[in-house]
Amino acid sequence: MFNYLIRVQLPDRPGALGAVASRIGSVGGDVVSIEILQRDDGIVVDEMGVGLGGDHLIDLLRDEILEVDGVVIESVRPVDGPLPDRHTELLEVATELFKQDSSTGLLEHLIGRVCRSLAANYAAVLDTDAWKVAASQGELPGAEQLTAMALQAMSPPPDSVEVDGTVATAILVSADLIVVVGRTHPVFRDRERQWISIMAELADHGWQELA
C-alpha cells in the first residue's frame, strides 16, 4: 500500500466530502485521515491521507474524484513512510525543541522540522535587530525579498489585501526573530499557517528557557 496526501477544494455542503471518499473507495483507496485546512466563502479545502495500491492508480483516482460536482484537486503528493498525525507530531515538536541545549541548535531544529512537516522549499529565521539570517534550510530568495517578507509579518496587510499563498511567516516574540517559510505548490492554507505559528511559539518558549 502506498500513501498519498490528496488536497481538494469542495463545496461546503452536506455529502460533498462523503462523495469524494466514495470515489476514492471505488478505485480501492482507503481514506485514513482528513484534515480541514480552510473554510471560506462556501468552499472547504480538505487534505486526505489516502492509502492506494500503487502509482498506476493515480490518474484513475484523479478522474474519479473530479466526477464529484464542484470539486477541484489542488495536489496529490506521495508520502514516504506513514501518513502524518498532526496531534502526535505537535507533541514530538515540543519535546524535541525543549531538549535543545543551545539557541543555534533550537533554531536549526525548528527550521528543519518546519520544512519537513510542511514540505516547504525553504525556511529561514531572521534576526529583526540586524536583519540577518540566523538559521535556514533550502534555497532562499534574495536578501531584500526575504527582509520584505519578514517586515510584512510584523505589519500584516489589511483584510482587503491578498496574502501571497506561497509564503507563510510567524514571529518568535521573546526572541525577536521571524520565521519565513516558502513553498511553490500547493499554496499555504489557514490551518498550515496556524501550524507554523504553533511551532514558532514552542520554539520561543524554548528560547526563553535557554536565555
C-alpha atoms as a PDB file:
ATOM      1  CA  MET A   1       0.000   0.000   0.000  1.00  0.00           C
ATOM      2  CA  PHE A   2       1.326   3.455  -0.991  1.00  0.00           C
ATOM      3  CA  ASN A   3       0.442   6.601   0.958  1.00  0.00           C
ATOM      4  CA  TYR A   4      -0.609   9.938  -0.527  1.00  0.00           C
ATOM      5  CA  LEU A   5      -1.822  13.313   0.674  1.00  0.00           C
ATOM      6  CA  ILE A   6      -4.670  14.462  -1.558  1.00  0.00           C
ATOM      7  CA  ARG A   7      -5.783  18.067  -1.221  1.00  0.00           C
ATOM      8  CA  VAL A   8      -9.149  19.081  -2.643  1.00  0.00           C
ATOM      9  CA  GLN A   9     -11.414  22.101  -2.776  1.00  0.00           C
ATOM     10  CA  LEU A  10     -15.048  21.154  -2.443  1.00  0.00           C
ATOM     11  CA  PRO A  11     -18.379  22.910  -1.910  1.00  0.00           C
ATOM     12  CA  ASP A  12     -19.235  23.422   1.773  1.00  0.00           C
ATOM     13  CA  ARG A  13     -22.390  21.346   1.611  1.00  0.00           C
ATOM     14  CA  PRO A  14     -23.571  18.100   3.232  1.00  0.00           C
ATOM     15  CA  GLY A  15     -22.449  14.994   1.382  1.00  0.00           C
ATOM     16  CA  ALA A  16     -19.654  16.546  -0.686  1.00  0.00           C
ATOM     17  CA  LEU A  17     -16.819  15.009   1.331  1.00  0.00           C
ATOM     18  CA  GLY A  18     -18.617  11.677   1.508  1.00  0.00           C
ATOM     19  CA  ALA A  19     -18.976  11.657  -2.269  1.00  0.00           C
ATOM     20  CA  VAL A  20     -15.233  12.241  -2.674  1.00  0.00           C
ATOM     21  CA  ALA A  21     -14.418   9.480  -0.174  1.00  0.00           C
ATOM     22  CA  SER A  22     -16.750   7.146  -2.049  1.00  0.00           C
ATOM     23  CA  ARG A  23     -14.937   7.859  -5.322  1.00  0.00           C
ATOM     24  CA  ILE A  24     -11.609   7.142  -3.665  1.00  0.00           C
ATOM     25  CA  GLY A  25     -13.002   3.863  -2.373  1.00  0.00           C
ATOM     26  CA  SER A  26     -14.175   2.913  -5.858  1.00  0.00           C
ATOM     27  CA  VAL A  27     -10.541   2.527  -7.001  1.00  0.00           C
ATOM     28  CA  GLY A  28      -9.506   0.633  -3.876  1.00  0.00           C
ATOM     29  CA  GLY A  29      -8.254   3.654  -1.957  1.00  0.00           C
ATOM     30  CA  ASP A  30      -8.504   3.831   1.826  1.00  0.00           C
ATOM     31  CA  VAL A  31      -9.118   7.264   3.404  1.00  0.00           C
ATOM     32  CA  VAL A  32      -7.023   7.114   6.588  1.00  0.00           C
ATOM     33  CA  SER A  33      -7.193  10.745   7.737  1.00  0.00           C
ATOM     34  CA  ILE A  34      -8.945  14.021   6.911  1.00  0.00           C
ATOM     35  CA  GLU A  35      -7.791  17.499   7.914  1.00  0.00           C
ATOM     36  CA  ILE A  36      -9.764  20.682   7.261  1.00  0.00           C
ATOM     37  CA  LEU A  37      -7.208  23.251   6.105  1.00  0.00           C
ATOM     38  CA  GLN A  38      -9.516  26.151   5.303  1.00  0.00           C
ATOM     39  CA  ARG A  39     -13.191  27.056   5.117  1.00  0.00           C
ATOM     40  CA  ASP A  40     -14.156  30.270   3.355  1.00  0.00           C
ATOM     41  CA  ASP A  41     -16.933  31.649   1.118  1.00  0.00           C
ATOM     42  CA  GLY A  42     -18.737  28.338   0.718  1.00  0.00           C
ATOM     43  CA  ILE A  43     -15.572  26.401  -0.145  1.00  0.00           C
ATOM     44  CA  VAL A  44     -13.714  23.912   2.065  1.00  0.00           C
ATOM     45  CA  VAL A  45     -10.127  22.826   1.485  1.00  0.00           C
ATOM     46  CA  ASP A  46      -9.548  19.332   2.864  1.00  0.00           C
ATOM     47  CA  GLU A  47      -6.397  17.229   2.877  1.00  0.00           C
ATOM     48  CA  MET A  48      -6.940  13.492   2.987  1.00  0.00           C
ATOM     49  CA  GLY A  49      -4.389  10.838   3.837  1.00  0.00           C
ATOM     50  CA  VAL A  50      -5.070   8.001   1.422  1.00  0.00           C
ATOM     51  CA  GLY A  51      -3.641   4.514   1.087  1.00  0.00           C
ATOM     52  CA  LEU A  52      -3.585   3.330  -2.538  1.00  0.00           C
ATOM     53  CA  GLY A  53      -2.488   0.180  -4.326  1.00  0.00           C
ATOM     54  CA  GLY A  54       0.139   1.943  -6.429  1.00  0.00           C
ATOM     55  CA  ASP A  55       1.146   4.831  -8.687  1.00  0.00           C
ATOM     56  CA  HIS A  56      -0.645   3.246 -11.630  1.00  0.00           C
ATOM     57  CA  LEU A  57      -3.975   4.139  -9.993  1.00  0.00           C
ATOM     58  CA  ILE A  58      -3.295   7.867  -9.579  1.00  0.00           C
ATOM     59  CA  ASP A  59      -4.737   9.005 -12.918  1.00  0.00           C
ATOM     60  CA  LEU A  60      -7.844   6.888 -12.389  1.00  0.00           C
ATOM     61  CA  LEU A  61      -8.171   8.273  -8.865  1.00  0.00           C
ATOM     62  CA  ARG A  62      -7.995  11.848 -10.154  1.00  0.00           C
ATOM     63  CA  ASP A  63     -10.667  11.144 -12.752  1.00  0.00           C
ATOM     64  CA  GLU A  64     -12.967   9.596 -10.167  1.00  0.00           C
ATOM     65  CA  ILE A  65     -12.598  12.491  -7.706  1.00  0.00           C
ATOM     66  CA  LEU A  66     -13.271  15.068 -10.420  1.00  0.00           C
ATOM     67  CA  GLU A  67     -16.566  13.322 -11.169  1.00  0.00           C
ATOM     68  CA  VAL A  68     -17.921  14.905  -7.978  1.00  0.00           C
ATOM     69  CA  ASP A  69     -19.629  18.178  -8.873  1.00  0.00           C
ATOM     70  CA  GLY A  70     -17.734  21.301  -7.847  1.00  0.00           C
ATOM     71  CA  VAL A  71     -14.555  19.530  -6.669  1.00  0.00           C
ATOM     72  CA  VAL A  72     -11.069  20.783  -7.610  1.00  0.00           C
ATOM     73  CA  ILE A  73      -7.883  18.834  -6.885  1.00  0.00           C
ATOM     74  CA  GLU A  74      -5.137  21.107  -5.545  1.00  0.00           C
ATOM     75  CA  SER A  75      -2.435  18.494  -5.186  1.00  0.00           C
ATOM     76  CA  VAL A  76      -1.627  14.794  -4.934  1.00  0.00           C
ATOM     77  CA  ARG A  77       1.619  14.164  -3.048  1.00  0.00           C
ATOM     78  CA  PRO A  78       3.249  10.806  -2.281  1.00  0.00           C
ATOM     79  CA  VAL A  79       4.310  10.278   1.331  1.00  0.00           C
ATOM     80  CA  ASP A  80       7.379   8.287   2.315  1.00  0.00           C
ATOM     81  CA  GLY A  81       6.520   6.222   5.360  1.00  0.00           C
ATOM     82  CA  PRO A  82       3.365   6.618   7.469  1.00  0.00           C
ATOM     83  CA  LEU A  83       0.855   9.395   6.923  1.00  0.00           C
ATOM     84  CA  PRO A  84       1.313  12.414   9.225  1.00  0.00           C
ATOM     85  CA  ASP A  85      -0.573  12.620  12.504  1.00  0.00           C
ATOM     86  CA  ARG A  86      -0.584  16.338  13.403  1.00  0.00           C
ATOM     87  CA  HIS A  87      -1.508  15.853  17.072  1.00  0.00           C
ATOM     88  CA  THR A  88       1.293  13.359  17.663  1.00  0.00           C
ATOM     89  CA  GLU A  89       3.690  15.493  15.665  1.00  0.00           C
ATOM     90  CA  LEU A  90       2.937  18.540  17.819  1.00  0.00           C
ATOM     91  CA  LEU A  91       3.940  16.614  20.943  1.00  0.00           C
ATOM     92  CA  GLU A  92       7.130  15.454  19.222  1.00  0.00           C
ATOM     93  CA  VAL A  93       7.984  19.015  18.167  1.00  0.00           C
ATOM     94  CA  ALA A  94       7.521  20.303  21.727  1.00  0.00           C
ATOM     95  CA  THR A  95       9.669  17.526  23.180  1.00  0.00           C
ATOM     96  CA  GLU A  96      12.442  17.915  20.618  1.00  0.00           C
ATOM     97  CA  LEU A  97      12.609  21.706  20.897  1.00  0.00           C
ATOM     98  CA  PHE A  98      12.816  21.670  24.690  1.00  0.00           C
ATOM     99  CA  LYS A  99      15.651  19.145  24.521  1.00  0.00           C
ATOM    100  CA  GLN A 100      17.917  21.600  22.693  1.00  0.00           C
ATOM    101  CA  ASP A 101      20.792  22.968  24.776  1.00  0.00           C
ATOM    102  CA  SER A 102      21.751  25.929  22.567  1.00  0.00           C
ATOM    103  CA  SER A 103      19.876  28.688  20.724  1.00  0.00           C
ATOM    104  CA  THR A 104      21.587  27.710  17.461  1.00  0.00           C
ATOM    105  CA  GLY A 105      20.513  24.096  17.811  1.00  0.00           C
ATOM    106  CA  LEU A 106      16.973  25.154  18.665  1.00  0.00           C
ATOM    107  CA  LEU A 107      16.624  27.346  15.564  1.00  0.00           C
ATOM    108  CA  GLU A 108      18.161  24.762  13.270  1.00  0.00           C
ATOM    109  CA  HIS A 109      15.820  22.123  14.626  1.00  0.00           C
ATOM    110  CA  LEU A 110      12.817  24.429  14.210  1.00  0.00           C
ATOM    111  CA  ILE A 111      13.695  25.149  10.581  1.00  0.00           C
ATOM    112  CA  GLY A 112      14.283  21.504   9.782  1.00  0.00           C
ATOM    113  CA  ARG A 113      11.007  20.489  11.347  1.00  0.00           C
ATOM    114  CA  VAL A 114       9.038  23.192   9.547  1.00  0.00           C
ATOM    115  CA  CYS A 115      10.478  22.192   6.170  1.00  0.00           C
ATOM    116  CA  ARG A 116       9.805  18.513   6.772  1.00  0.00           C
ATOM    117  CA  SER A 117       6.291  18.916   8.175  1.00  0.00           C
ATOM    118  CA  LEU A 118       5.107  21.366   5.521  1.00  0.00           C
ATOM    119  CA  ALA A 119       7.135  20.002   2.583  1.00  0.00           C
ATOM    120  CA  ALA A 120       8.483  23.549   2.181  1.00  0.00           C
ATOM    121  CA  ASN A 121      11.024  24.608  -0.441  1.00  0.00           C
ATOM    122  CA  TYR A 122      12.821  26.764   2.088  1.00  0.00           C
ATOM    123  CA  ALA A 123      12.604  28.187   5.595  1.00  0.00           C
ATOM    124  CA  ALA A 124      14.642  30.843   7.386  1.00  0.00           C
ATOM    125  CA  VAL A 125      14.803  32.550  10.759  1.00  0.00           C
ATOM    126  CA  LEU A 126      15.657  36.260  10.617  1.00  0.00           C
ATOM    127  CA  ASP A 127      17.046  38.368  13.438  1.00  0.00           C
ATOM    128  CA  THR A 128      14.940  41.548  13.484  1.00  0.00           C
ATOM    129  CA  ASP A 129      17.757  43.617  15.011  1.00  0.00           C
ATOM    130  CA  ALA A 130      20.387  43.097  12.293  1.00  0.00           C
ATOM    131  CA  TRP A 131      18.091  41.577   9.618  1.00  0.00           C
ATOM    132  CA  LYS A 132      20.477  38.671   9.304  1.00  0.00           C
ATOM    133  CA  VAL A 133      19.603  35.032   8.681  1.00  0.00           C
ATOM    134  CA  ALA A 134      20.091  33.141  11.935  1.00  0.00           C
ATOM    135  CA  ALA A 135      19.210  29.709  10.510  1.00  0.00           C
ATOM    136  CA  SER A 136      17.972  28.438   7.165  1.00  0.00           C
ATOM    137  CA  GLN A 137      17.276  25.417   5.011  1.00  0.00           C
ATOM    138  CA  GLY A 138      16.725  25.237   1.263  1.00  0.00           C
ATOM    139  CA  GLU A 139      17.438  27.830  -1.413  1.00  0.00           C
ATOM    140  CA  LEU A 140      16.381  31.219  -0.045  1.00  0.00           C
ATOM    141  CA  PRO A 141      15.129  34.216  -2.071  1.00  0.00           C
ATOM    142  CA  GLY A 142      17.325  37.318  -2.218  1.00  0.00           C
ATOM    143  CA  ALA A 143      18.108  39.241   0.966  1.00  0.00           C
ATOM    144  CA  GLU A 144      15.850  42.189   0.075  1.00  0.00           C
ATOM    145  CA  GLN A 145      12.900  39.960  -0.740  1.00  0.00           C
ATOM    146  CA  LEU A 146      13.390  37.931   2.434  1.00  0.00           C
ATOM    147  CA  THR A 147      13.509  41.093   4.545  1.00  0.00           C
ATOM    148  CA  ALA A 148      10.345  42.402   2.863  1.00  0.00           C
ATOM    149  CA  MET A 149       8.557  39.153   3.750  1.00  0.00           C
ATOM    150  CA  ALA A 150       9.664  39.490   7.361  1.00  0.00           C
ATOM    151  CA  LEU A 151       8.560  43.133   7.550  1.00  0.00           C
ATOM    152  CA  GLN A 152       5.143  42.139   6.231  1.00  0.00           C
ATOM    153  CA  ALA A 153       4.889  39.616   9.069  1.00  0.00           C
ATOM    154  CA  MET A 154       5.459  42.424  11.565  1.00  0.00           C
ATOM    155  CA  SER A 155       2.811  44.627   9.908  1.00  0.00           C
ATOM    156  CA  PRO A 156       0.211  42.289   8.364  1.00  0.00           C
ATOM    157  CA  PRO A 157      -1.718  43.728   5.397  1.00  0.00           C
ATOM    158  CA  PRO A 158      -5.383  44.686   5.827  1.00  0.00           C
ATOM    159  CA  ASP A 159      -8.028  42.100   5.061  1.00  0.00           C
ATOM    160  CA  SER A 160      -8.640  43.695   1.673  1.00  0.00           C
ATOM    161  CA  VAL A 161      -5.096  42.858   0.532  1.00  0.00           C
ATOM    162  CA  GLU A 162      -4.491  39.346  -0.799  1.00  0.00           C
ATOM    163  CA  VAL A 163      -1.761  37.429   1.051  1.00  0.00           C
ATOM    164  CA  ASP A 164       0.857  35.631  -1.039  1.00  0.00           C
ATOM    165  CA  GLY A 165      -0.120  31.980  -0.728  1.00  0.00           C
ATOM    166  CA  THR A 166       3.406  30.745  -1.404  1.00  0.00           C
ATOM    167  CA  VAL A 167       4.831  32.371   1.752  1.00  0.00           C
ATOM    168  CA  ALA A 168       3.985  31.903   5.435  1.00  0.00           C
ATOM    169  CA  THR A 169       5.506  33.720   8.412  1.00  0.00           C
ATOM    170  CA  ALA A 170       5.483  33.537  12.193  1.00  0.00           C
ATOM    171  CA  ILE A 171       7.057  35.624  14.962  1.00  0.00           C
ATOM    172  CA  LEU A 172       9.113  34.475  17.937  1.00  0.00           C
ATOM    173  CA  VAL A 173       8.144  37.410  20.138  1.00  0.00           C
ATOM    174  CA  SER A 174      10.560  36.935  23.039  1.00  0.00           C
ATOM    175  CA  ALA A 175      13.495  36.137  20.794  1.00  0.00           C
ATOM    176  CA  ASP A 176      12.818  38.998  18.324  1.00  0.00           C
ATOM    177  CA  LEU A 177      13.003  36.542  15.437  1.00  0.00           C
ATOM    178  CA  ILE A 178      10.791  35.905  12.418  1.00  0.00           C
ATOM    179  CA  VAL A 179      10.270  32.609  10.612  1.00  0.00           C
ATOM    180  CA  VAL A 180       9.735  32.846   6.853  1.00  0.00           C
ATOM    181  CA  VAL A 181       8.604  29.715   5.018  1.00  0.00           C
ATOM    182  CA  GLY A 182       8.185  29.301   1.258  1.00  0.00           C
ATOM    183  CA  ARG A 183       6.512  26.626  -0.842  1.00  0.00           C
ATOM    184  CA  THR A 184       5.717  26.812  -4.533  1.00  0.00           C
ATOM    185  CA  HIS A 185       2.846  24.309  -4.551  1.00  0.00           C
ATOM    186  CA  PRO A 186       0.327  23.839  -3.095  1.00  0.00           C
ATOM    187  CA  VAL A 187      -0.303  27.249  -1.545  1.00  0.00           C
ATOM    188  CA  PHE A 188      -0.370  27.597   2.244  1.00  0.00           C
ATOM    189  CA  ARG A 189      -3.792  27.338   3.833  1.00  0.00           C
ATOM    190  CA  ASP A 190      -5.052  28.774   7.138  1.00  0.00           C
ATOM    191  CA  ARG A 191      -4.507  25.595   9.139  1.00  0.00           C
ATOM    192  CA  GLU A 192      -0.915  25.295   7.899  1.00  0.00           C
ATOM    193  CA  ARG A 193      -0.160  28.903   8.828  1.00  0.00           C
ATOM    194  CA  GLN A 194      -1.538  28.159  12.287  1.00  0.00           C
ATOM    195  CA  TRP A 195       0.671  25.079  12.474  1.00  0.00           C
ATOM    196  CA  ILE A 196       3.782  27.162  11.698  1.00  0.00           C
ATOM    197  CA  SER A 197       2.778  29.722  14.339  1.00  0.00           C
ATOM    198  CA  ILE A 198       2.383  26.972  16.954  1.00  0.00           C
ATOM    199  CA  MET A 199       5.851  25.590  16.193  1.00  0.00           C
ATOM    200  CA  ALA A 200       7.311  29.111  16.363  1.00  0.00           C
ATOM    201  CA  GLU A 201       5.595  29.710  19.724  1.00  0.00           C
ATOM    202  CA  LEU A 202       7.014  26.460  21.092  1.00  0.00           C
ATOM    203  CA  ALA A 203      10.477  27.470  19.896  1.00  0.00           C
ATOM    204  CA  ASP A 204      10.038  30.867  21.526  1.00  0.00           C
ATOM    205  CA  HIS A 205       9.311  29.215  24.883  1.00  0.00           C
ATOM    206  CA  GLY A 206      12.376  27.050  24.401  1.00  0.00           C
ATOM    207  CA  TRP A 207      14.405  30.183  23.669  1.00  0.00           C
ATOM    208  CA  GLN A 208      13.274  31.711  26.962  1.00  0.00           C
ATOM    209  CA  GLU A 209      14.429  28.594  28.827  1.00  0.00           C
ATOM    210  CA  LEU A 210      17.898  28.937  27.251  1.00  0.00           C
ATOM    211  CA  ALA A 211      18.193  32.689  27.937  1.00  0.00           C
END
